[in-house]
Amino acid sequence: LKSDVVPAIDAGGWGVHVPHELTWVLEHVEPPRAAPRFRQIADLGELPRLIESIVSSG
């Protein structure tokens, strides 16, 4: 989150987090759930449907 998802959101892009139990301790931050362009999915298999949803919403 800290080095990839959060910077993307801060730059005005979308950030998608796929939680994983093996995350480097320095990457641990609270997910920016209040950010309108933040999404969390359980696995990468959900990504195509998420992208389709984002694209179709405008």
PDB file of N, CA and C in Angstrom:
ATOM      1  N   LEU A   1       0.815  -1.197   0.000  1.00  0.00           N
ATOM      2  CA  LEU A   1       0.000   0.000   0.000  1.00  0.00           C
ATOM      3  C   LEU A   1       0.858   1.259   0.000  1.00  0.00           C
ATOM      4  N   LYS A   2       1.801   1.309   0.891  1.00  0.00           N
ATOM      5  CA  LYS A   2       2.553   2.535   1.116  1.00  0.00           C
ATOM      6  C   LYS A   2       3.339   3.001  -0.112  1.00  0.00           C
ATOM      7  N   SER A   3       3.918   2.077  -0.858  1.00  0.00           N
ATOM      8  CA  SER A   3       4.781   2.494  -1.969  1.00  0.00           C
ATOM      9  C   SER A   3       4.140   2.366  -3.338  1.00  0.00           C
ATOM     10  N   ASP A   4       2.915   1.851  -3.418  1.00  0.00           N
ATOM     11  CA  ASP A   4       2.308   1.731  -4.744  1.00  0.00           C
ATOM     12  C   ASP A   4       0.863   2.232  -4.781  1.00  0.00           C
ATOM     13  N   VAL A   5       0.012   1.767  -3.917  1.00  0.00           N
ATOM     14  CA  VAL A   5      -1.402   2.158  -3.955  1.00  0.00           C
ATOM     15  C   VAL A   5      -1.588   3.611  -3.512  1.00  0.00           C
ATOM     16  N   VAL A   6      -1.037   3.970  -2.376  1.00  0.00           N
ATOM     17  CA  VAL A   6      -1.218   5.330  -1.848  1.00  0.00           C
ATOM     18  C   VAL A   6      -0.636   6.388  -2.789  1.00  0.00           C
ATOM     19  N   PRO A   7       0.590   6.235  -3.312  1.00  0.00           N
ATOM     20  CA  PRO A   7       1.101   7.237  -4.254  1.00  0.00           C
ATOM     21  C   PRO A   7       0.249   7.379  -5.513  1.00  0.00           C
ATOM     22  N   ALA A   8      -0.289   6.282  -6.012  1.00  0.00           N
ATOM     23  CA  ALA A   8      -1.157   6.364  -7.197  1.00  0.00           C
ATOM     24  C   ALA A   8      -2.389   7.205  -6.897  1.00  0.00           C
ATOM     25  N   ILE A   9      -2.995   6.985  -5.756  1.00  0.00           N
ATOM     26  CA  ILE A   9      -4.176   7.759  -5.366  1.00  0.00           C
ATOM     27  C   ILE A   9      -3.801   9.221  -5.155  1.00  0.00           C
ATOM     28  N   ASP A  10      -2.675   9.467  -4.485  1.00  0.00           N
ATOM     29  CA  ASP A  10      -2.221  10.845  -4.248  1.00  0.00           C
ATOM     30  C   ASP A  10      -1.961  11.590  -5.555  1.00  0.00           C
ATOM     31  N   ALA A  11      -1.589  10.862  -6.605  1.00  0.00           N
ATOM     32  CA  ALA A  11      -1.322  11.473  -7.912  1.00  0.00           C
ATOM     33  C   ALA A  11      -2.586  11.625  -8.750  1.00  0.00           C
ATOM     34  N   GLY A  12      -3.734  11.214  -8.197  1.00  0.00           N
ATOM     35  CA  GLY A  12      -4.994  11.363  -8.910  1.00  0.00           C
ATOM     36  C   GLY A  12      -5.434  10.120  -9.663  1.00  0.00           C
ATOM     37  N   GLY A  13      -4.692   9.045  -9.514  1.00  0.00           N
ATOM     38  CA  GLY A  13      -5.043   7.800 -10.199  1.00  0.00           C
ATOM     39  C   GLY A  13      -5.879   6.887  -9.320  1.00  0.00           C
ATOM     40  N   TRP A  14      -6.039   5.685  -9.791  1.00  0.00           N
ATOM     41  CA  TRP A  14      -6.756   4.653  -9.048  1.00  0.00           C
ATOM     42  C   TRP A  14      -5.745   3.797  -8.307  1.00  0.00           C
ATOM     43  N   GLY A  15      -6.138   3.309  -7.141  1.00  0.00           N
ATOM     44  CA  GLY A  15      -5.308   2.389  -6.374  1.00  0.00           C
ATOM     45  C   GLY A  15      -6.108   1.158  -6.009  1.00  0.00           C
ATOM     46  N   VAL A  16      -5.582   0.000  -6.363  1.00  0.00           N
ATOM     47  CA  VAL A  16      -6.249  -1.264  -6.050  1.00  0.00           C
ATOM     48  C   VAL A  16      -5.327  -2.079  -5.152  1.00  0.00           C
ATOM     49  N   HIS A  17      -5.849  -2.466  -4.017  1.00  0.00           N
ATOM     50  CA  HIS A  17      -5.071  -3.246  -3.058  1.00  0.00           C
ATOM     51  C   HIS A  17      -5.564  -4.683  -3.032  1.00  0.00           C
ATOM     52  N   VAL A  18      -4.620  -5.598  -3.124  1.00  0.00           N
ATOM     53  CA  VAL A  18      -4.907  -7.022  -2.983  1.00  0.00           C
ATOM     54  C   VAL A  18      -4.164  -7.472  -1.722  1.00  0.00           C
ATOM     55  N   PRO A  19      -4.856  -7.588  -0.593  1.00  0.00           N
ATOM     56  CA  PRO A  19      -4.177  -7.957   0.656  1.00  0.00           C
ATOM     57  C   PRO A  19      -3.454  -9.297   0.540  1.00  0.00           C
ATOM     58  N   HIS A  20      -2.328  -9.373   1.210  1.00  0.00           N
ATOM     59  CA  HIS A  20      -1.527 -10.600   1.205  1.00  0.00           C
ATOM     60  C   HIS A  20      -0.893 -10.740   2.577  1.00  0.00           C
ATOM     61  N   GLU A  21      -0.815 -11.935   3.070  1.00  0.00           N
ATOM     62  CA  GLU A  21      -0.279 -12.155   4.412  1.00  0.00           C
ATOM     63  C   GLU A  21       1.220 -11.909   4.503  1.00  0.00           C
ATOM     64  N   LEU A  22       1.925 -11.973   3.395  1.00  0.00           N
ATOM     65  CA  LEU A  22       3.369 -11.740   3.394  1.00  0.00           C
ATOM     66  C   LEU A  22       3.681 -10.351   2.848  1.00  0.00           C
ATOM     67  N   THR A  23       3.452  -9.351   3.676  1.00  0.00           N
ATOM     68  CA  THR A  23       3.720  -7.967   3.288  1.00  0.00           C
ATOM     69  C   THR A  23       4.849  -7.429   4.163  1.00  0.00           C
ATOM     70  N   TRP A  24       5.812  -6.801   3.536  1.00  0.00           N
ATOM     71  CA  TRP A  24       6.946  -6.222   4.243  1.00  0.00           C
ATOM     72  C   TRP A  24       6.433  -5.265   5.304  1.00  0.00           C
ATOM     73  N   VAL A  25       6.997  -5.309   6.498  1.00  0.00           N
ATOM     74  CA  VAL A  25       6.514  -4.517   7.627  1.00  0.00           C
ATOM     75  C   VAL A  25       6.517  -3.015   7.310  1.00  0.00           C
ATOM     76  N   LEU A  26       7.454  -2.541   6.507  1.00  0.00           N
ATOM     77  CA  LEU A  26       7.507  -1.113   6.175  1.00  0.00           C
ATOM     78  C   LEU A  26       6.379  -0.683   5.245  1.00  0.00           C
ATOM     79  N   GLU A  27       5.686  -1.631   4.661  1.00  0.00           N
ATOM     80  CA  GLU A  27       4.562  -1.330   3.768  1.00  0.00           C
ATOM     81  C   GLU A  27       3.232  -1.239   4.507  1.00  0.00           C
ATOM     82  N   HIS A  28       3.228  -1.573   5.782  1.00  0.00           N
ATOM     83  CA  HIS A  28       1.978  -1.602   6.539  1.00  0.00           C
ATOM     84  C   HIS A  28       1.488  -0.192   6.861  1.00  0.00           C
ATOM     85  N   VAL A  29       0.359   0.170   6.296  1.00  0.00           N
ATOM     86  CA  VAL A  29      -0.362   1.406   6.616  1.00  0.00           C
ATOM     87  C   VAL A  29      -1.845   1.072   6.523  1.00  0.00           C
ATOM     88  N   GLU A  30      -2.662   1.916   7.085  1.00  0.00           N
ATOM     89  CA  GLU A  30      -4.107   1.718   6.970  1.00  0.00           C
ATOM     90  C   GLU A  30      -4.533   1.983   5.529  1.00  0.00           C
ATOM     91  N   PRO A  31      -5.363   1.141   4.969  1.00  0.00           N
ATOM     92  CA  PRO A  31      -5.864   1.396   3.613  1.00  0.00           C
ATOM     93  C   PRO A  31      -6.640   2.716   3.565  1.00  0.00           C
ATOM     94  N   PRO A  32      -6.461   3.488   2.503  1.00  0.00           N
ATOM     95  CA  PRO A  32      -7.161   4.777   2.378  1.00  0.00           C
ATOM     96  C   PRO A  32      -8.617   4.584   1.950  1.00  0.00           C
ATOM     97  N   ARG A  33      -9.402   3.919   2.784  1.00  0.00           N
ATOM     98  CA  ARG A  33     -10.775   3.538   2.434  1.00  0.00           C
ATOM     99  C   ARG A  33     -11.670   4.727   2.074  1.00  0.00           C
ATOM    100  N   ALA A  34     -11.377   5.897   2.603  1.00  0.00           N
ATOM    101  CA  ALA A  34     -12.199   7.073   2.316  1.00  0.00           C
ATOM    102  C   ALA A  34     -11.886   7.683   0.947  1.00  0.00           C
ATOM    103  N   ALA A  35     -10.789   7.288   0.340  1.00  0.00           N
ATOM    104  CA  ALA A  35     -10.415   7.827  -0.974  1.00  0.00           C
ATOM    105  C   ALA A  35     -11.363   7.274  -2.036  1.00  0.00           C
ATOM    106  N   PRO A  36     -11.978   8.146  -2.837  1.00  0.00           N
ATOM    107  CA  PRO A  36     -12.944   7.680  -3.832  1.00  0.00           C
ATOM    108  C   PRO A  36     -12.344   6.778  -4.914  1.00  0.00           C
ATOM    109  N   ARG A  37     -11.042   6.847  -5.132  1.00  0.00           N
ATOM    110  CA  ARG A  37     -10.415   6.021  -6.174  1.00  0.00           C
ATOM    111  C   ARG A  37      -9.652   4.831  -5.597  1.00  0.00           C
ATOM    112  N   PHE A  38      -9.982   4.450  -4.381  1.00  0.00           N
ATOM    113  CA  PHE A  38      -9.378   3.272  -3.755  1.00  0.00           C
ATOM    114  C   PHE A  38     -10.338   2.105  -3.826  1.00  0.00           C
ATOM    115  N   ARG A  39      -9.813   0.956  -4.213  1.00  0.00           N
ATOM    116  CA  ARG A  39     -10.597  -0.275  -4.198  1.00  0.00           C
ATOM    117  C   ARG A  39      -9.740  -1.379  -3.597  1.00  0.00           C
ATOM    118  N   GLN A  40     -10.386  -2.308  -2.937  1.00  0.00           N
ATOM    119  CA  GLN A  40      -9.699  -3.479  -2.400  1.00  0.00           C
ATOM    120  C   GLN A  40     -10.399  -4.715  -2.930  1.00  0.00           C
ATOM    121  N   ILE A  41      -9.612  -5.646  -3.432  1.00  0.00           N
ATOM    122  CA  ILE A  41     -10.167  -6.895  -3.952  1.00  0.00           C
ATOM    123  C   ILE A  41      -9.461  -8.063  -3.264  1.00  0.00           C
ATOM    124  N   ALA A  42     -10.109  -9.210  -3.244  1.00  0.00           N
ATOM    125  CA  ALA A  42      -9.560 -10.378  -2.555  1.00  0.00           C
ATOM    126  C   ALA A  42      -8.430 -11.044  -3.332  1.00  0.00           C
ATOM    127  N   ASP A  43      -8.527 -11.026  -4.660  1.00  0.00           N
ATOM    128  CA  ASP A  43      -7.481 -11.642  -5.480  1.00  0.00           C
ATOM    129  C   ASP A  43      -7.492 -11.007  -6.870  1.00  0.00           C
ATOM    130  N   LEU A  44      -6.427 -11.228  -7.617  1.00  0.00           N
ATOM    131  CA  LEU A  44      -6.295 -10.604  -8.938  1.00  0.00           C
ATOM    132  C   LEU A  44      -7.338 -11.082  -9.934  1.00  0.00           C
ATOM    133  N   GLY A  45      -7.967 -12.200  -9.674  1.00  0.00           N
ATOM    134  CA  GLY A  45      -9.037 -12.682 -10.542  1.00  0.00           C
ATOM    135  C   GLY A  45     -10.218 -11.731 -10.587  1.00  0.00           C
ATOM    136  N   GLU A  46     -10.348 -10.874  -9.573  1.00  0.00           N
ATOM    137  CA  GLU A  46     -11.429  -9.889  -9.529  1.00  0.00           C
ATOM    138  C   GLU A  46     -11.107  -8.619 -10.316  1.00  0.00           C
ATOM    139  N   LEU A  47      -9.844  -8.456 -10.716  1.00  0.00           N
ATOM    140  CA  LEU A  47      -9.418  -7.211 -11.356  1.00  0.00           C
ATOM    141  C   LEU A  47     -10.135  -6.900 -12.667  1.00  0.00           C
ATOM    142  N   PRO A  48     -10.300  -7.843 -13.588  1.00  0.00           N
ATOM    143  CA  PRO A  48     -11.005  -7.504 -14.833  1.00  0.00           C
ATOM    144  C   PRO A  48     -12.421  -6.963 -14.591  1.00  0.00           C
ATOM    145  N   ARG A  49     -13.154  -7.578 -13.678  1.00  0.00           N
ATOM    146  CA  ARG A  49     -14.510  -7.113 -13.379  1.00  0.00           C
ATOM    147  C   ARG A  49     -14.476  -5.719 -12.745  1.00  0.00           C
ATOM    148  N   LEU A  50     -13.490  -5.474 -11.878  1.00  0.00           N
ATOM    149  CA  LEU A  50     -13.357  -4.161 -11.256  1.00  0.00           C
ATOM    150  C   LEU A  50     -13.057  -3.102 -12.310  1.00  0.00           C
ATOM    151  N   ILE A  51     -12.128  -3.381 -13.209  1.00  0.00           N
ATOM    152  CA  ILE A  51     -11.795  -2.421 -14.271  1.00  0.00           C
ATOM    153  C   ILE A  51     -13.013  -2.148 -15.140  1.00  0.00           C
ATOM    154  N   GLU A  52     -13.733  -3.182 -15.495  1.00  0.00           N
ATOM    155  CA  GLU A  52     -14.949  -3.007 -16.292  1.00  0.00           C
ATOM    156  C   GLU A  52     -15.952  -2.117 -15.566  1.00  0.00           C
ATOM    157  N   SER A  53     -16.099  -2.313 -14.286  1.00  0.00           N
ATOM    158  CA  SER A  53     -17.017  -1.509 -13.483  1.00  0.00           C
ATOM    159  C   SER A  53     -16.589  -0.042 -13.456  1.00  0.00           C
ATOM    160  N   ILE A  54     -15.297   0.197 -13.289  1.00  0.00           N
ATOM    161  CA  ILE A  54     -14.774   1.571 -13.251  1.00  0.00           C
ATOM    162  C   ILE A  54     -14.973   2.251 -14.604  1.00  0.00           C
ATOM    163  N   VAL A  55     -14.641   1.556 -15.680  1.00  0.00           N
ATOM    164  CA  VAL A  55     -14.770   2.123 -17.027  1.00  0.00           C
ATOM    165  C   VAL A  55     -16.226   2.424 -17.353  1.00  0.00           C
ATOM    166  N   SER A  56     -17.123   1.530 -17.016  1.00  0.00           N
ATOM    167  CA  SER A  56     -18.533   1.725 -17.364  1.00  0.00           C
ATOM    168  C   SER A  56     -19.217   2.785 -16.511  1.00  0.00           C
ATOM    169  N   SER A  57     -18.606   3.131 -15.369  1.00  0.00           N
ATOM    170  CA  SER A  57     -19.230   4.143 -14.511  1.00  0.00           C
ATOM    171  C   SER A  57     -18.834   5.559 -14.915  1.00  0.00           C
ATOM    172  N   GLY A  58     -17.971   5.678 -15.897  1.00  0.00           N
ATOM    173  CA  GLY A  58     -17.740   6.995 -16.416  1.00  0.00           C
ATOM    174  C   GLY A  58     -16.403   7.533 -16.407  1.00  0.00           C
TER     175      GLY A  58
END
